[in-house]
Amino acid sequence: MGWPVDGHHPYPNPSRAEQATSGQCSRVPADGMSPVNRVILITKARIFRSRAQGAQWTMKIKFWGVRGSTPTPERRNARYGGNTPCIEIRLANGTLIILDCGSGLRALGKRLLREFGHNPINGYVFFTHFHWDHIQGIPFFLPLYREGDSFFFHAVQRKEEELKRAIEGQMVSPYFPVDTSAMQALRNFYDLDTSPINICGAIIKSTPLYHPQGCVAYRIEADGAVFVLATDTEPGSPAHDSGLRDLAEGADVLVYDAQYTPEQVRGEKKGWGHSSWLEGTRVALESHVRQLVLFHHDPDHDDPFIEGLVQKARRLFPDVVGAAEGMEVSLPEVELVRTFKVSVASRSRSSGARGQRTHAL
C-alpha cells in the first residue's frame, strides 16, 4: 500500500496508530555523547557551506552498525566497528526513524532507554531486506520488552505476514530462550509499495535494488535535507542502476554499499549482490551527491584496508568517508562528528597514525 504525502495519517487504522504514536511528533531531548571507559577522539569537519546562510542542523543521523554479513568484534576493526547495519535518524521534531536492525540495534536500544527514562519510546523501523545481518539485533533491542513503547515496522513489497515472520521467526524454539510473547511493546507491521509516504513530516521514498531475494534503497527528505541509504546492491542491472541514480539525485548524503573491491565484483563475488567504492563514486557523481559514505564493510576488511578504499575513492570523488560506528551526520549542512574506541596499542602509535584517523572524516 502507498500512503499519501499530503499530511493525512499514514496508517490504515488511524485510531490504533494515533494511540500508539501519541506525542511522537513532538520534540524530545537528545542524548549527549558521554561514553564511559573510552578514550574519545572527536573531530568536527564542516564539509560544505549550508545552502542557505544561517541554516540550522536539524536532521541527525547516527551509525550504530556498519559491517556487512556478520559481526566482527575484533581489535583490527576497532576504528570502523564490527556491528552489522543499523542507522538512527532523528528529525527536528524528535521523530525516531531506524533503518535496518543488525547487531548495532542493541547499543541503540540501551541508549534510548537512558535517554527516555520512564517516558514511552515510539519509533518507525524500515527494513531494506531480511537477510540475517539486517535483522539479527531485534531479539536484543530492549525497548521492545517494555510496556508502553511502540514500534512500527515497515518493508517494501513484502506481505505483512512475511515481515512479521522475518522478525519473529528468529526467536522461535530452539533458536532463542524466549519468544516474542515476552515483548510488551506495541508492534505494528506494514507492507509498502514504492510510493512516497509521510512519516511525521519526513517524505520517504524507495526503489528496488539488485540483490538476491530483493532489497530496497530509501530516500528520506526532511528538515530541508535529503539522506539516501543504498546498501546491498550489485551494479549491472540497467533498470536497478537507473532507479538508484534517480533516487539519489541531489542527495546531501548517500550511504552506499562498498563491501567488495571492483575486482571482486567483476570476478569471484559476481552474483553475491554487493558493490564497490568505484561504483559508489560513479553513482555520487552522476546523481550530484554532496557527501558519499562507504558502508557495509566486508568482515575480512580491517581498518587499514578500509582506509585504503576510502583513499582510492577520494581520487575520483573528494567528499568520501568510510562509515564508522558512532559517526554522526548533521544536515542540511553536512557536519560529521566521529567518536571511536582507542586501544592501548593505538594510543602508543605515532601522531601520524592519529592524524590519519582525523582525515578519515
Protein backbone atom coordinates (compact mmCIF):
# COMPACT_ATOMS: atom_id res chain seq x y z
CA MET A 1 0.00 0.00 0.00
CA GLY A 2 1.16 3.52 -0.69
CA TRP A 3 0.41 6.29 1.77
CA PRO A 4 -0.37 9.88 0.77
CA VAL A 5 2.17 12.66 1.20
CA ASP A 6 -0.46 15.35 1.77
CA GLY A 7 -0.41 15.21 5.56
CA HIS A 8 -3.06 12.53 6.03
CA HIS A 9 -2.44 9.95 8.71
CA PRO A 10 -0.16 7.24 7.27
CA TYR A 11 -1.75 4.24 8.95
CA PRO A 12 -4.73 2.24 7.70
CA ASN A 13 -6.16 2.05 11.24
CA PRO A 14 -5.82 5.66 12.46
CA SER A 15 -7.33 5.14 15.87
CA ARG A 16 -4.82 2.47 16.85
CA ALA A 17 -1.90 4.27 15.27
CA GLU A 18 -2.79 7.60 16.87
CA GLN A 19 -2.94 5.95 20.26
CA ALA A 20 0.43 4.32 19.69
CA THR A 21 2.12 7.45 18.41
CA SER A 22 0.68 9.93 20.88
CA GLY A 23 3.31 12.62 21.33
CA GLN A 24 5.66 11.01 18.81
CA CYS A 25 5.95 14.09 16.62
CA SER A 26 6.75 16.48 19.46
CA ARG A 27 10.32 17.42 20.24
CA VAL A 28 12.19 15.11 22.61
CA PRO A 29 15.52 15.76 24.27
CA ALA A 30 18.62 14.43 22.53
CA ASP A 31 21.17 12.46 24.47
CA GLY A 32 24.67 13.90 24.73
CA MET A 33 27.70 11.74 23.99
CA SER A 34 29.24 10.68 27.29
CA PRO A 35 30.67 7.14 26.88
CA VAL A 36 32.40 5.66 29.89
CA ASN A 37 35.80 3.94 29.93
CA ARG A 38 36.67 5.11 26.44
CA VAL A 39 39.24 7.41 25.02
CA ILE A 40 37.24 9.62 22.71
CA LEU A 41 38.54 11.44 19.72
CA ILE A 42 36.06 13.90 18.32
CA THR A 43 36.64 15.59 15.05
CA LYS A 44 34.20 18.03 13.55
CA ALA A 45 34.61 18.76 9.88
CA ARG A 46 32.35 21.30 8.26
CA ILE A 47 32.45 19.85 4.77
CA PHE A 48 30.18 22.25 2.95
CA ARG A 49 28.70 25.67 3.43
CA SER A 50 24.98 25.46 4.01
CA ARG A 51 22.68 26.01 1.08
CA ALA A 52 21.09 28.93 2.87
CA GLN A 53 23.03 31.26 5.11
CA GLY A 54 22.31 30.60 8.76
CA ALA A 55 20.76 27.18 8.15
CA GLN A 56 20.42 25.04 11.29
CA TRP A 57 21.44 21.40 11.70
CA THR A 58 18.12 19.70 12.08
CA MET A 59 18.21 16.13 10.77
CA LYS A 60 20.72 13.97 12.64
CA ILE A 61 21.98 10.57 11.54
CA LYS A 62 23.98 8.19 13.71
CA PHE A 63 25.64 4.95 12.63
CA TRP A 64 25.27 2.11 15.12
CA GLY A 65 26.37 -0.72 12.80
CA VAL A 66 28.31 -0.51 9.53
CA ARG A 67 29.68 -4.02 8.92
CA GLY A 68 28.24 -6.47 6.38
CA SER A 69 27.44 -10.18 6.56
CA THR A 70 28.43 -10.96 10.16
CA PRO A 71 29.57 -9.07 13.26
CA THR A 72 33.34 -8.82 13.65
CA PRO A 73 34.21 -7.76 17.22
CA GLU A 74 37.95 -7.74 16.60
CA ARG A 75 40.66 -5.27 17.54
CA ARG A 76 41.70 -4.90 13.91
CA ASN A 77 38.23 -3.44 13.23
CA ALA A 78 38.11 -1.12 16.23
CA ARG A 79 38.28 2.05 14.19
CA TYR A 80 35.35 1.44 11.84
CA GLY A 81 33.45 -1.04 14.00
CA GLY A 82 32.21 -4.60 13.79
CA ASN A 83 28.44 -4.40 14.30
CA THR A 84 26.09 -5.12 11.41
CA PRO A 85 23.87 -2.43 9.83
CA CYS A 86 21.76 -0.10 11.92
CA ILE A 87 21.25 3.63 11.32
CA GLU A 88 19.33 6.04 13.56
CA ILE A 89 17.71 9.19 12.17
CA ARG A 90 16.25 11.96 14.31
CA LEU A 91 14.14 14.68 12.76
CA ALA A 92 13.95 18.21 14.11
CA ASN A 93 10.56 17.39 15.66
CA GLY A 94 12.06 14.44 17.56
CA THR A 95 10.73 11.66 15.34
CA LEU A 96 12.82 8.49 15.60
CA ILE A 97 13.45 6.52 12.40
CA ILE A 98 15.56 3.35 12.37
CA LEU A 99 16.98 1.89 9.16
CA ASP A 100 17.77 -1.83 9.47
CA CYS A 101 18.20 -3.83 12.65
CA GLY A 102 21.59 -5.52 12.58
CA SER A 103 23.61 -6.12 15.74
CA GLY A 104 24.16 -2.37 16.13
CA LEU A 105 20.50 -2.13 17.21
CA ARG A 106 21.39 -3.49 20.66
CA ALA A 107 23.51 -0.47 21.60
CA LEU A 108 20.91 1.90 20.17
CA GLY A 109 18.25 0.32 22.38
CA LYS A 110 20.33 0.79 25.51
CA ARG A 111 21.00 4.41 24.60
CA LEU A 112 17.28 5.05 24.03
CA LEU A 113 16.42 3.66 27.47
CA ARG A 114 18.94 6.02 29.08
CA GLU A 115 17.62 8.95 27.10
CA PHE A 116 13.89 8.45 27.58
CA GLY A 117 13.90 7.04 31.11
CA HIS A 118 10.32 6.18 32.06
CA ASN A 119 8.85 8.05 29.09
CA PRO A 120 7.49 6.00 26.18
CA ILE A 121 9.64 5.41 23.12
CA ASN A 122 8.00 5.48 19.70
CA GLY A 123 9.93 4.55 16.58
CA TYR A 124 9.46 3.88 12.88
CA VAL A 125 11.60 0.99 11.62
CA PHE A 126 12.33 0.44 7.92
CA PHE A 127 13.98 -2.72 6.59
CA THR A 128 15.96 -2.77 3.38
CA HIS A 129 15.56 -6.57 3.31
CA PHE A 130 15.53 -9.59 5.61
CA HIS A 131 18.98 -11.09 5.33
CA TRP A 132 20.31 -12.10 8.72
CA ASP A 133 22.81 -9.28 9.15
CA HIS A 134 20.00 -6.72 8.81
CA ILE A 135 17.58 -8.21 11.37
CA GLN A 136 19.74 -10.04 13.94
CA GLY A 137 19.64 -7.24 16.52
CA ILE A 138 15.88 -7.41 17.10
CA PRO A 139 15.90 -10.01 19.93
CA PHE A 140 18.40 -7.81 21.82
CA PHE A 141 16.56 -4.48 21.39
CA LEU A 142 15.47 -3.82 24.99
CA PRO A 143 12.74 -1.21 24.27
CA LEU A 144 10.70 -3.98 22.62
CA TYR A 145 10.40 -5.70 26.00
CA ARG A 146 8.99 -2.63 27.74
CA GLU A 147 5.28 -1.96 28.01
CA GLY A 148 4.27 1.48 26.75
CA ASP A 149 6.80 1.64 23.92
CA SER A 150 5.56 1.48 20.30
CA PHE A 151 7.34 0.47 17.12
CA PHE A 152 6.05 0.46 13.56
CA PHE A 153 7.87 -1.97 11.27
CA HIS A 154 7.89 -1.33 7.51
CA ALA A 155 9.12 -3.25 4.48
CA VAL A 156 8.60 -2.63 0.78
CA GLN A 157 6.72 -5.13 -1.37
CA ARG A 158 6.67 -7.74 1.37
CA LYS A 159 3.42 -9.14 2.68
CA GLU A 160 2.61 -8.16 6.24
CA GLU A 161 2.81 -11.77 7.42
CA GLU A 162 6.19 -12.21 5.72
CA LEU A 163 7.50 -9.16 7.54
CA LYS A 164 6.15 -10.43 10.84
CA ARG A 165 7.63 -13.91 10.32
CA ALA A 166 11.04 -12.46 9.43
CA ILE A 167 11.10 -10.52 12.68
CA GLU A 168 9.60 -13.10 14.99
CA GLY A 169 10.93 -16.30 13.38
CA GLN A 170 14.43 -15.87 14.76
CA MET A 171 13.01 -16.12 18.29
CA VAL A 172 11.10 -19.39 17.95
CA SER A 173 12.33 -22.56 19.63
CA PRO A 174 15.09 -23.78 19.52
CA TYR A 175 16.83 -20.58 18.36
CA PHE A 176 16.17 -18.29 21.33
CA PRO A 177 15.28 -18.81 25.01
CA VAL A 178 12.03 -16.75 24.83
CA ASP A 179 9.63 -15.96 22.01
CA THR A 180 8.08 -12.63 21.08
CA SER A 181 5.35 -13.00 23.71
CA ALA A 182 7.99 -11.62 26.09
CA MET A 183 7.92 -8.35 24.15
CA GLN A 184 5.49 -5.97 25.81
CA ALA A 185 5.87 -3.04 23.40
CA LEU A 186 3.19 -2.37 20.81
CA ARG A 187 4.35 -3.72 17.44
CA ASN A 188 2.66 -2.99 14.12
CA PHE A 189 3.71 -4.28 10.70
CA TYR A 190 3.18 -2.54 7.37
CA ASP A 191 3.90 -3.67 3.83
CA LEU A 192 4.54 -0.80 1.43
CA ASP A 193 4.83 -0.26 -2.28
CA THR A 194 7.34 2.18 -3.71
CA SER A 195 5.01 5.19 -3.46
CA PRO A 196 6.23 8.04 -1.19
CA ILE A 197 4.91 8.07 2.36
CA ASN A 198 4.82 10.80 5.00
CA ILE A 199 6.13 9.95 8.48
CA CYS A 200 5.69 12.95 10.78
CA GLY A 201 6.84 15.34 8.08
CA ALA A 202 9.52 13.12 6.52
CA ILE A 203 8.86 12.04 2.95
CA ILE A 204 10.26 8.54 2.48
CA LYS A 205 10.73 7.08 -0.98
CA SER A 206 12.22 3.78 -2.10
CA THR A 207 13.41 1.89 -5.16
CA PRO A 208 14.31 -1.78 -5.69
CA LEU A 209 17.97 -2.81 -5.73
CA TYR A 210 19.65 -5.74 -7.47
CA HIS A 211 20.31 -8.23 -4.66
CA PRO A 212 19.45 -11.92 -4.02
CA GLN A 213 15.91 -12.19 -2.60
CA GLY A 214 15.45 -8.46 -3.17
CA CYS A 215 16.39 -5.24 -1.36
CA VAL A 216 15.38 -1.57 -1.48
CA ALA A 217 17.10 1.78 -1.13
CA TYR A 218 15.47 4.55 0.91
CA ARG A 219 15.44 8.32 0.39
CA ILE A 220 14.38 10.47 3.34
CA GLU A 221 13.52 14.10 2.71
CA ALA A 222 13.01 16.17 5.86
CA ASP A 223 14.08 19.42 7.51
CA GLY A 224 15.44 20.80 4.25
CA ALA A 225 17.80 17.87 3.72
CA VAL A 226 17.99 14.60 1.77
CA PHE A 227 19.51 11.35 3.07
CA VAL A 228 19.77 8.18 0.96
CA LEU A 229 20.68 4.64 2.06
CA ALA A 230 21.60 2.20 -0.72
CA THR A 231 23.05 -0.93 0.84
CA ASP A 232 23.23 -4.46 -0.53
CA THR A 233 23.18 -3.67 -4.23
CA GLU A 234 25.12 -5.09 -7.17
CA PRO A 235 25.66 -2.96 -10.29
CA GLY A 236 24.92 -4.30 -13.75
CA SER A 237 21.13 -4.31 -13.97
CA PRO A 238 20.21 -1.28 -16.11
CA ALA A 239 16.75 -0.85 -14.54
CA HIS A 240 18.04 -1.06 -10.97
CA ASP A 241 21.07 1.13 -11.69
CA SER A 242 18.87 3.82 -13.25
CA GLY A 243 16.35 3.68 -10.42
CA LEU A 244 19.07 4.13 -7.81
CA ARG A 245 20.55 7.14 -9.60
CA ASP A 246 17.11 8.75 -9.80
CA LEU A 247 16.52 8.12 -6.09
CA ALA A 248 19.92 9.54 -5.10
CA GLU A 249 19.66 12.66 -7.26
CA GLY A 250 20.80 15.75 -5.34
CA ALA A 251 21.16 13.94 -2.00
CA ASP A 252 23.10 15.64 0.78
CA VAL A 253 24.40 12.25 1.91
CA LEU A 254 24.48 8.93 0.06
CA VAL A 255 25.34 5.86 2.15
CA TYR A 256 26.44 3.21 -0.31
CA ASP A 257 27.35 -0.49 -0.27
CA ALA A 258 31.12 -0.85 -0.73
CA GLN A 259 31.63 -4.36 0.63
CA TYR A 260 33.83 -5.62 -2.20
CA THR A 261 36.67 -4.32 -4.31
CA PRO A 262 35.95 -3.61 -8.01
CA GLU A 263 37.95 -6.73 -8.88
CA GLN A 264 35.82 -8.90 -6.58
CA VAL A 265 32.57 -7.50 -8.02
CA ARG A 266 33.71 -8.42 -11.54
CA GLY A 267 35.16 -11.78 -10.52
CA GLU A 268 34.78 -14.11 -7.56
CA LYS A 269 31.91 -12.19 -5.89
CA LYS A 270 29.83 -11.60 -9.00
CA GLY A 271 26.24 -12.52 -8.17
CA TRP A 272 26.61 -12.06 -4.42
CA GLY A 273 24.64 -8.81 -4.53
CA HIS A 274 27.17 -6.22 -3.37
CA SER A 275 29.06 -3.28 -4.82
CA SER A 276 32.34 -1.38 -4.51
CA TRP A 277 33.80 2.03 -3.76
CA LEU A 278 34.27 2.58 -7.51
CA GLU A 279 30.59 2.20 -8.32
CA GLY A 280 29.78 4.38 -5.32
CA THR A 281 31.80 7.25 -6.78
CA ARG A 282 30.05 6.80 -10.12
CA VAL A 283 26.61 6.99 -8.54
CA ALA A 284 27.63 10.01 -6.44
CA LEU A 285 28.98 11.88 -9.46
CA GLU A 286 26.10 11.06 -11.78
CA SER A 287 23.49 11.86 -9.13
CA HIS A 288 25.14 15.11 -7.95
CA VAL A 289 25.52 13.89 -4.37
CA ARG A 290 27.25 16.13 -1.83
CA GLN A 291 28.75 13.51 0.51
CA LEU A 292 29.40 9.82 -0.12
CA VAL A 293 29.65 7.38 2.80
CA LEU A 294 31.06 3.92 2.10
CA PHE A 295 29.08 1.32 4.05
CA HIS A 296 28.56 -2.42 4.69
CA HIS A 297 32.25 -3.17 5.13
CA ASP A 298 33.34 -6.73 4.46
CA PRO A 299 34.12 -8.83 7.57
CA ASP A 300 37.61 -9.55 6.21
CA HIS A 301 38.47 -5.90 5.58
CA ASP A 302 40.32 -4.46 8.57
CA ASP A 303 40.76 -0.78 9.38
CA PRO A 304 43.83 -0.13 7.19
CA PHE A 305 42.20 -1.91 4.23
CA ILE A 306 39.01 0.17 4.50
CA GLU A 307 41.05 3.35 4.79
CA GLY A 308 42.82 2.34 1.60
CA LEU A 309 39.47 2.01 -0.19
CA VAL A 310 38.45 5.45 1.06
CA GLN A 311 41.66 6.97 -0.26
CA LYS A 312 41.13 5.38 -3.68
CA ALA A 313 37.56 6.70 -3.79
CA ARG A 314 38.73 10.22 -2.95
CA ARG A 315 40.80 10.37 -6.13
CA LEU A 316 37.54 10.27 -8.10
CA PHE A 317 35.12 11.91 -5.67
CA PRO A 318 36.81 14.00 -2.95
CA ASP A 319 33.95 14.08 -0.45
CA VAL A 320 34.07 10.46 0.70
CA VAL A 321 34.26 8.94 4.16
CA GLY A 322 34.05 5.40 5.49
CA ALA A 323 31.04 4.74 7.71
CA ALA A 324 32.10 4.07 11.29
CA GLU A 325 30.24 3.16 14.45
CA GLY A 326 29.50 6.27 16.46
CA MET A 327 29.77 8.60 13.47
CA GLU A 328 27.09 11.27 13.39
CA VAL A 329 25.98 13.43 10.49
CA SER A 330 24.01 16.65 10.91
CA LEU A 331 22.02 18.05 7.98
CA PRO A 332 21.28 20.14 5.94
CA GLU A 333 24.83 21.37 6.46
CA VAL A 334 26.96 18.24 6.32
CA GLU A 335 28.81 18.08 9.62
CA LEU A 336 30.45 14.85 10.71
CA VAL A 337 31.14 14.02 14.34
CA ARG A 338 33.29 10.95 14.83
CA THR A 339 33.80 9.03 18.09
CA PHE A 340 35.56 5.71 18.38
CA LYS A 341 37.39 3.48 20.79
CA VAL A 342 41.14 3.63 21.02
CA SER A 343 43.04 0.61 22.32
CA VAL A 344 46.23 0.81 24.34
CA ALA A 345 48.16 -0.24 21.24
CA SER A 346 46.52 2.51 19.23
CA ARG A 347 47.41 5.17 21.80
CA SER A 348 51.07 4.20 21.55
CA ARG A 349 51.22 4.77 17.81
CA SER A 350 52.75 7.82 16.23
CA SER A 351 50.92 11.11 15.84
CA GLY A 352 50.89 10.38 12.11
CA ALA A 353 48.53 7.46 12.68
CA ARG A 354 46.24 9.61 14.76
CA GLY A 355 46.25 12.20 12.01
CA GLN A 356 45.00 9.58 9.59
CA ARG A 357 42.07 8.94 11.88
CA THR A 358 41.10 12.55 11.74
CA HIS A 359 41.49 12.68 7.95
CA ALA A 360 39.17 9.68 7.60
CA LEU A 361 36.33 12.03 8.38
